[in-house]
């Protein structure tokens, strides 16, 4: 089927253009497109962008906040512990029942690609991976979904997890996850990272780890991850989330680590909202914001993205799968509020995140895949300010969601 979205604005262009789609690809981007179409949409001068990309979402734990006791200490350790009883009783159906509506909402909000993290360990076994693989199959044709095998309890400190991680990849997980900083000893941190590289190379998969998600300035897993990435030639295939300890380092050491990250080609996901809530809780004066050094990483040429991470779970009581909201938080917390910085923030939830997930054909140009979102806004600034409805959402050229805001006023 041939379709045309007429009269839209694109980032980086001053004119109004038409975007033609045939099958799952964009065939033309030009003013006044004269070709025939089976269906046309009026863009009405609104901003058309490639689909939003959420490269870090703990889908297996989403909405557990409804059924768990409160995280009274608001610490990572308690958040991990209070999930254990639920993990023991997980089922594929129960996970899908909680996570499915979150994916639906993400699609409505214009997300066309997502990385779903699934816990792997001796408490919950492989049920979370099975649950997310079921959801990946269920939503095939509506969203691109990576399943990450994620060792939430660590690998060395959870004997038996190595075997389960191998089984998770054989089962069909797409990405090797990691949590190296959570191990008990520095040598275990290194062994954790080494194991993940061995597993990724054996299976031909990418790596996405939660790294140094702590205020502790002695947590040093990011630099080892960068060095191993360099040694293994895995640049562009490794993403590190959080990296909060980087902000606690002295400036000299931070500069060294940022240089290693840039040289290695490691992507960094800031996960702004969750770091803002979980970090700095023991600070008594000058309470830190908790996020990694976003501006310095960007200045060094690092591919920096931002992701939702959690939706109403033991780690974060809020959250909705909306990457524009994620971008708005990032703009606030990382001091990225000037005009060009807002464009950078928008990159972090679109092109930068797509680069981390290595999405083929991402963008708006002839030949690009037609994963597109028409916003009820005309500029990036307006979109981040208003967090408007997504008027039209296309996945592979197929219209998968449509939203309208109706307002009535009365005298």
Protein backbone atom coordinates (compact mmCIF):
# COMPACT_ATOMS: atom_id res chain seq x y z
CA UNK A 1 0.00 0.00 0.00
CA UNK A 2 1.18 3.52 -0.86
CA UNK A 3 0.66 6.22 1.77
CA UNK A 4 1.56 9.90 2.01
CA UNK A 5 1.79 12.10 5.09
CA UNK A 6 1.38 15.60 3.74
CA UNK A 7 2.52 18.93 5.10
CA UNK A 8 4.86 17.94 7.91
CA UNK A 9 7.87 19.58 9.48
CA UNK A 10 11.12 17.68 9.98
CA UNK A 11 13.97 18.37 12.36
CA UNK A 12 16.75 20.31 10.63
CA UNK A 13 14.54 21.66 7.82
CA UNK A 14 12.68 24.95 7.55
CA UNK A 15 10.26 23.92 4.81
CA UNK A 16 7.11 21.80 4.92
CA UNK A 17 7.36 18.46 3.13
CA UNK A 18 5.39 15.36 2.21
CA UNK A 19 6.62 11.91 3.22
CA UNK A 20 5.67 9.00 0.97
CA UNK A 21 5.63 5.41 2.24
CA UNK A 22 5.40 2.18 0.31
CA UNK A 23 5.36 -1.08 2.22
CA UNK A 24 7.60 -0.69 5.25
CA UNK A 25 9.90 1.98 3.76
CA UNK A 26 9.98 5.69 3.04
CA UNK A 27 10.15 6.31 -0.70
CA UNK A 28 10.16 10.12 -0.90
CA UNK A 29 10.66 13.19 1.29
CA UNK A 30 9.93 16.34 -0.67
CA UNK A 31 7.65 19.38 -0.88
CA UNK A 32 4.49 18.87 -2.90
CA UNK A 33 4.94 15.16 -3.60
CA UNK A 34 2.91 14.43 -6.76
CA UNK A 35 2.75 10.66 -6.60
CA UNK A 36 -0.49 8.74 -6.15
CA UNK A 37 -1.37 7.16 -2.82
CA UNK A 38 -3.91 4.69 -1.49
CA UNK A 39 -4.19 6.72 1.70
CA UNK A 40 -3.21 10.24 2.69
CA UNK A 41 -2.83 11.92 6.08
CA UNK A 42 -2.87 15.65 6.78
CA UNK A 43 0.24 16.58 8.77
CA UNK A 44 -1.06 20.14 9.26
CA UNK A 45 2.44 21.55 9.77
CA UNK A 46 3.18 19.29 12.74
CA UNK A 47 6.53 17.71 13.53
CA UNK A 48 7.19 14.24 12.14
CA UNK A 49 9.99 12.30 13.85
CA UNK A 50 11.35 8.75 13.67
CA UNK A 51 9.92 6.46 16.33
CA UNK A 52 11.03 6.89 19.93
CA UNK A 53 13.49 4.33 21.30
CA UNK A 54 13.47 3.16 24.92
CA UNK A 55 16.64 1.10 25.32
CA UNK A 56 16.22 0.21 29.00
CA UNK A 57 12.95 -0.98 30.55
CA UNK A 58 12.54 -3.56 33.34
CA UNK A 59 9.36 -5.03 31.93
CA UNK A 60 9.28 -8.12 34.16
CA UNK A 61 9.03 -5.97 37.31
CA UNK A 62 6.66 -3.31 36.00
CA UNK A 63 3.59 -2.62 38.17
CA UNK A 64 4.89 -4.74 41.04
CA UNK A 65 4.47 -1.60 43.11
CA UNK A 66 0.76 -2.41 43.19
CA UNK A 67 1.28 -5.70 45.04
CA UNK A 68 4.50 -5.30 47.03
CA UNK A 69 5.13 -3.85 50.43
CA UNK A 70 6.68 -0.37 50.29
CA UNK A 71 10.42 0.06 49.89
CA UNK A 72 10.76 1.77 53.26
CA UNK A 73 14.50 2.43 53.08
CA UNK A 74 14.28 3.47 49.42
CA UNK A 75 17.52 1.59 48.81
CA UNK A 76 18.51 -0.65 45.93
CA UNK A 77 19.20 -3.54 48.31
CA UNK A 78 15.70 -3.48 49.80
CA UNK A 79 14.18 -3.13 46.33
CA UNK A 80 15.99 -6.29 45.28
CA UNK A 81 15.01 -8.19 48.42
CA UNK A 82 11.31 -7.41 48.37
CA UNK A 83 10.99 -8.83 44.87
CA UNK A 84 12.27 -12.27 45.89
CA UNK A 85 8.96 -13.70 47.10
CA UNK A 86 7.25 -12.52 43.94
CA UNK A 87 9.99 -13.96 41.74
CA UNK A 88 9.47 -17.38 43.30
CA UNK A 89 5.85 -17.33 42.15
CA UNK A 90 6.35 -15.66 38.76
CA UNK A 91 4.61 -17.17 35.75
CA UNK A 92 4.76 -16.27 32.08
CA UNK A 93 1.09 -15.29 32.18
CA UNK A 94 1.48 -13.09 35.26
CA UNK A 95 4.47 -11.22 33.82
CA UNK A 96 2.72 -10.74 30.48
CA UNK A 97 -0.39 -9.51 32.28
CA UNK A 98 1.56 -6.73 33.99
CA UNK A 99 3.96 -5.83 31.20
CA UNK A 100 1.63 -6.10 28.20
CA UNK A 101 -0.34 -2.92 28.98
CA UNK A 102 2.92 -1.03 29.47
CA UNK A 103 4.06 -2.01 25.98
CA UNK A 104 0.63 -1.01 24.62
CA UNK A 105 0.95 2.41 26.24
CA UNK A 106 4.50 2.78 24.93
CA UNK A 107 3.25 2.19 21.39
CA UNK A 108 0.50 4.78 21.82
CA UNK A 109 3.20 7.18 23.02
CA UNK A 110 5.23 6.61 19.87
CA UNK A 111 7.83 4.09 21.03
CA UNK A 112 8.73 1.84 18.12
CA UNK A 113 11.71 0.05 19.72
CA UNK A 114 12.35 -1.12 23.28
CA UNK A 115 14.87 -3.16 25.25
CA UNK A 116 13.09 -5.19 27.90
CA UNK A 117 15.24 -6.44 30.77
CA UNK A 118 14.37 -9.86 32.21
CA UNK A 119 15.88 -11.02 35.49
CA UNK A 120 17.92 -14.23 35.36
CA UNK A 121 18.95 -15.96 38.58
CA UNK A 122 18.43 -18.86 40.93
CA UNK A 123 15.36 -17.29 42.56
CA UNK A 124 13.19 -16.71 39.51
CA UNK A 125 15.02 -18.95 37.07
CA UNK A 126 14.26 -18.26 33.43
CA UNK A 127 10.56 -17.43 33.82
CA UNK A 128 11.10 -13.67 33.29
CA UNK A 129 12.98 -14.36 30.05
CA UNK A 130 10.20 -16.68 28.91
CA UNK A 131 7.63 -14.01 29.78
CA UNK A 132 9.36 -11.31 27.77
CA UNK A 133 9.94 -13.63 24.83
CA UNK A 134 6.20 -14.33 24.86
CA UNK A 135 5.53 -10.58 24.79
CA UNK A 136 8.05 -10.08 21.99
CA UNK A 137 6.14 -12.63 19.93
CA UNK A 138 2.77 -11.14 20.89
CA UNK A 139 3.76 -7.62 19.84
CA UNK A 140 5.62 -8.64 16.70
CA UNK A 141 4.64 -6.26 13.92
CA UNK A 142 3.91 -3.39 16.31
CA UNK A 143 7.24 -2.71 18.05
CA UNK A 144 10.86 -3.85 17.80
CA UNK A 145 11.76 -5.54 21.08
CA UNK A 146 15.08 -6.79 22.43
CA UNK A 147 15.03 -9.13 25.42
CA UNK A 148 18.01 -8.65 27.76
CA UNK A 149 19.09 -11.52 30.02
CA UNK A 150 19.83 -9.58 33.22
CA UNK A 151 21.54 -11.10 36.32
CA UNK A 152 19.77 -8.96 38.95
CA UNK A 153 21.38 -10.78 41.90
CA UNK A 154 24.83 -10.74 40.33
CA UNK A 155 26.65 -13.68 38.77
CA UNK A 156 29.44 -14.58 41.19
CA UNK A 157 27.29 -13.81 44.26
CA UNK A 158 24.45 -15.98 42.87
CA UNK A 159 26.02 -19.41 42.25
CA UNK A 160 24.21 -21.10 39.40
CA UNK A 161 23.51 -17.87 37.53
CA UNK A 162 26.27 -18.47 34.96
CA UNK A 163 24.52 -21.62 33.77
CA UNK A 164 21.16 -19.85 33.67
CA UNK A 165 22.62 -16.94 31.68
CA UNK A 166 23.90 -19.37 29.06
CA UNK A 167 20.50 -21.06 28.96
CA UNK A 168 18.74 -17.69 28.63
CA UNK A 169 20.76 -16.87 25.52
CA UNK A 170 20.10 -20.30 24.07
CA UNK A 171 16.41 -19.77 24.80
CA UNK A 172 16.37 -16.71 22.55
CA UNK A 173 17.41 -13.64 24.57
CA UNK A 174 18.79 -10.93 22.28
CA UNK A 175 21.28 -9.11 24.53
CA UNK A 176 23.70 -10.16 27.29
CA UNK A 177 22.96 -8.11 30.40
CA UNK A 178 25.19 -7.47 33.39
CA UNK A 179 25.33 -5.94 36.86
CA UNK A 180 29.05 -6.03 37.64
CA UNK A 181 29.24 -3.35 40.32
CA UNK A 182 26.89 -5.36 42.55
CA UNK A 183 29.44 -8.14 43.07
CA UNK A 184 31.20 -8.33 46.46
CA UNK A 185 34.85 -8.03 45.40
CA UNK A 186 36.69 -6.08 42.73
CA UNK A 187 38.02 -9.28 41.20
CA UNK A 188 34.45 -10.59 41.01
CA UNK A 189 33.48 -7.39 39.15
CA UNK A 190 36.14 -8.18 36.56
CA UNK A 191 35.13 -11.86 36.35
CA UNK A 192 31.49 -10.79 35.86
CA UNK A 193 32.41 -8.53 32.93
CA UNK A 194 34.76 -11.13 31.43
CA UNK A 195 32.00 -13.75 31.56
CA UNK A 196 29.55 -11.41 29.79
CA UNK A 197 32.03 -10.79 26.97
CA UNK A 198 32.66 -14.51 26.60
CA UNK A 199 28.92 -15.20 26.44
CA UNK A 200 28.28 -12.32 24.02
CA UNK A 201 31.03 -13.47 21.69
CA UNK A 202 29.88 -17.09 21.79
CA UNK A 203 26.33 -16.10 20.86
CA UNK A 204 27.15 -13.13 18.61
CA UNK A 205 25.08 -10.77 20.78
CA UNK A 206 25.49 -7.22 22.09
CA UNK A 207 26.01 -6.27 25.75
CA UNK A 208 23.99 -3.94 27.97
CA UNK A 209 25.05 -3.62 31.61
CA UNK A 210 23.92 -1.59 34.60
CA UNK A 211 27.23 -0.10 35.70
CA UNK A 212 28.25 1.73 38.89
CA UNK A 213 24.65 2.48 39.85
CA UNK A 214 25.82 3.85 43.18
CA UNK A 215 27.06 7.00 44.92
CA UNK A 216 30.24 5.15 45.95
CA UNK A 217 33.30 6.81 44.34
CA UNK A 218 35.23 3.55 44.75
CA UNK A 219 32.93 1.70 42.34
CA UNK A 220 35.05 1.27 39.22
CA UNK A 221 33.31 -1.15 36.85
CA UNK A 222 32.81 1.35 34.01
CA UNK A 223 36.50 1.80 33.29
CA UNK A 224 37.09 -1.97 33.21
CA UNK A 225 34.09 -2.40 30.90
CA UNK A 226 35.54 0.26 28.57
CA UNK A 227 38.95 -1.40 28.53
CA UNK A 228 37.47 -4.84 27.81
CA UNK A 229 35.37 -3.31 25.02
CA UNK A 230 38.55 -1.93 23.48
CA UNK A 231 40.40 -5.21 23.87
CA UNK A 232 37.62 -7.24 22.29
CA UNK A 233 36.87 -4.78 19.48
CA UNK A 234 33.27 -4.52 20.63
CA UNK A 235 32.87 -0.78 20.06
CA UNK A 236 29.31 0.24 19.21
CA UNK A 237 27.94 -3.01 20.69
CA UNK A 238 28.14 -2.20 24.41
CA UNK A 239 25.81 0.03 26.44
CA UNK A 240 26.25 0.99 30.09
CA UNK A 241 23.30 2.33 32.08
CA UNK A 242 23.28 4.69 35.08
CA UNK A 243 27.04 5.12 35.72
CA UNK A 244 26.25 7.27 38.76
CA UNK A 245 29.62 6.73 40.45
CA UNK A 246 31.23 8.61 37.56
CA UNK A 247 29.68 11.76 39.03
CA UNK A 248 31.23 10.97 42.43
CA UNK A 249 34.79 10.58 41.11
CA UNK A 250 37.25 13.42 41.40
CA UNK A 251 37.41 15.38 38.16
CA UNK A 252 40.80 14.00 37.11
CA UNK A 253 39.74 10.37 37.35
CA UNK A 254 36.36 11.13 35.76
CA UNK A 255 38.12 12.70 32.78
CA UNK A 256 40.24 9.56 32.37
CA UNK A 257 37.21 7.24 32.46
CA UNK A 258 35.20 9.40 30.07
CA UNK A 259 38.14 9.30 27.67
CA UNK A 260 38.22 5.50 27.86
CA UNK A 261 34.46 5.30 27.25
CA UNK A 262 34.73 7.57 24.21
CA UNK A 263 37.71 5.67 22.81
CA UNK A 264 35.99 2.31 23.32
CA UNK A 265 32.70 3.37 21.70
CA UNK A 266 30.55 2.47 24.72
CA UNK A 267 27.08 4.05 24.75
CA UNK A 268 25.85 5.50 28.06
CA UNK A 269 22.19 5.49 29.15
CA UNK A 270 21.46 8.08 31.83
CA UNK A 271 18.06 6.73 33.08
CA UNK A 272 17.56 10.16 34.60
CA UNK A 273 14.37 9.76 36.61
CA UNK A 274 15.43 6.67 38.52
CA UNK A 275 18.93 7.99 39.31
CA UNK A 276 17.38 11.23 40.53
CA UNK A 277 15.17 9.30 42.97
CA UNK A 278 17.52 6.52 44.13
CA UNK A 279 20.84 8.36 44.44
CA UNK A 280 21.98 10.76 47.13
CA UNK A 281 19.68 9.44 49.85
CA UNK A 282 22.49 9.38 52.40
CA UNK A 283 23.68 12.89 51.56
CA UNK A 284 23.10 15.38 54.36
CA UNK A 285 24.26 18.55 52.67
CA UNK A 286 24.43 19.37 48.97
CA UNK A 287 22.25 16.42 48.05
CA UNK A 288 23.43 15.28 44.64
CA UNK A 289 21.18 14.85 41.62
CA UNK A 290 22.56 11.37 41.12
CA UNK A 291 22.80 11.23 37.35
CA UNK A 292 26.00 10.55 35.48
CA UNK A 293 28.12 13.30 33.91
CA UNK A 294 25.86 13.75 30.88
CA UNK A 295 27.29 17.03 29.61
CA UNK A 296 30.90 15.92 29.90
CA UNK A 297 30.17 12.62 28.18
CA UNK A 298 28.43 14.44 25.33
CA UNK A 299 31.32 16.89 25.01
CA UNK A 300 33.71 13.94 24.68
CA UNK A 301 31.68 12.52 21.78
CA UNK A 302 30.11 9.65 23.71
CA UNK A 303 26.77 8.34 22.44
CA UNK A 304 24.48 9.28 25.35
CA UNK A 305 20.85 8.21 25.55
CA UNK A 306 18.11 8.29 28.16
CA UNK A 307 15.56 5.59 28.95
CA UNK A 308 12.53 5.03 31.17
CA UNK A 309 13.96 2.10 33.19
CA UNK A 310 11.07 1.54 35.64
CA UNK A 311 7.29 1.85 35.78
CA UNK A 312 5.75 1.66 39.27
CA UNK A 313 8.00 -0.97 40.80
CA UNK A 314 10.11 -1.25 44.00
CA UNK A 315 12.70 1.11 42.55
CA UNK A 316 10.46 3.90 41.32
CA UNK A 317 6.83 4.62 42.28
CA UNK A 318 6.05 6.68 39.18
CA UNK A 319 6.89 6.30 35.52
CA UNK A 320 5.00 5.83 32.31
CA UNK A 321 6.40 4.55 29.04
CA UNK A 322 6.72 7.96 27.40
CA UNK A 323 10.10 8.92 25.99
CA UNK A 324 9.17 12.60 25.63
CA UNK A 325 8.60 12.73 29.39
CA UNK A 326 11.98 11.02 29.82
CA UNK A 327 13.54 13.70 27.64
CA UNK A 328 11.87 16.49 29.60
CA UNK A 329 13.28 15.13 32.87
CA UNK A 330 16.71 14.83 31.29
CA UNK A 331 16.59 18.45 30.14
CA UNK A 332 15.81 19.58 33.70
CA UNK A 333 18.24 17.41 35.61
CA UNK A 334 21.21 17.56 33.23
CA UNK A 335 20.90 21.34 32.66
CA UNK A 336 20.20 20.90 28.96
CA UNK A 337 17.64 23.65 28.41
CA UNK A 338 19.05 26.03 25.80
CA UNK A 339 17.74 25.68 22.21
CA UNK A 340 20.52 23.49 20.80
CA UNK A 341 20.64 21.48 24.03
CA UNK A 342 16.95 20.65 23.65
CA UNK A 343 17.80 19.18 20.24
CA UNK A 344 20.47 17.08 21.95
CA UNK A 345 17.93 15.88 24.52
CA UNK A 346 15.64 14.82 21.68
CA UNK A 347 18.54 12.95 20.09
CA UNK A 348 18.96 11.02 23.34
CA UNK A 349 15.47 9.51 23.00
CA UNK A 350 15.64 8.98 19.24
CA UNK A 351 18.82 8.74 17.15
CA UNK A 352 21.27 8.11 20.01
CA UNK A 353 19.12 5.37 21.50
CA UNK A 354 18.62 3.88 18.03
CA UNK A 355 22.39 3.83 17.57
CA UNK A 356 22.82 1.97 20.87
CA UNK A 357 20.27 -0.63 19.77
CA UNK A 358 21.85 -0.74 16.28
CA UNK A 359 18.52 -0.28 14.53
CA UNK A 360 18.83 -0.61 10.77
CA UNK A 361 17.31 2.03 8.49
CA UNK A 362 16.42 4.42 11.32
CA UNK A 363 15.55 7.99 10.29
CA UNK A 364 13.46 9.96 7.84
CA UNK A 365 14.94 9.73 4.36
CA UNK A 366 14.21 7.74 1.20
CA UNK A 367 15.06 4.14 1.98
CA UNK A 368 14.62 4.50 5.74
CA UNK A 369 12.27 2.21 7.58
CA UNK A 370 8.85 3.86 8.09
CA UNK A 371 8.80 3.89 11.90
CA UNK A 372 7.33 7.36 12.33
CA UNK A 373 5.51 9.55 14.84
CA UNK A 374 3.47 12.65 14.06
CA UNK A 375 3.45 14.89 17.13
CA UNK A 376 0.80 17.39 18.09
CA UNK A 377 3.57 20.01 18.12
CA UNK A 378 5.55 21.87 15.47
CA UNK A 379 8.99 22.00 17.12
CA UNK A 380 11.17 19.97 19.47
CA UNK A 381 10.89 22.75 22.06
CA UNK A 382 7.10 22.62 21.95
CA UNK A 383 7.12 18.83 22.15
CA UNK A 384 9.35 18.78 25.25
CA UNK A 385 7.39 21.61 26.84
CA UNK A 386 3.90 20.22 26.22
CA UNK A 387 4.49 16.43 26.05
CA UNK A 388 1.66 16.39 23.48
CA UNK A 389 -0.41 13.52 22.07
CA UNK A 390 1.16 11.41 19.35
CA UNK A 391 -1.30 12.04 16.50
CA UNK A 392 -0.12 9.13 14.34
CA UNK A 393 2.29 6.27 15.05
CA UNK A 394 3.58 4.09 12.21
CA UNK A 395 5.57 0.90 12.62
CA UNK A 396 7.06 -0.47 9.42
CA UNK A 397 4.62 1.64 7.42
CA UNK A 398 1.60 0.33 9.33
CA UNK A 399 -0.53 2.73 11.36
CA UNK A 400 -0.46 1.22 14.87
CA UNK A 401 -1.82 4.06 17.03
CA UNK A 402 -3.70 7.32 16.70
CA UNK A 403 -4.43 9.89 19.43
CA UNK A 404 -6.44 13.07 19.70
CA UNK A 405 -6.90 15.55 22.52
CA UNK A 406 -10.43 16.92 22.67
CA UNK A 407 -11.08 20.04 24.74
CA UNK A 408 -14.43 21.67 25.44
CA UNK A 409 -14.77 25.07 27.09
CA UNK A 410 -17.98 26.58 28.46
CA UNK A 411 -18.94 30.17 29.17
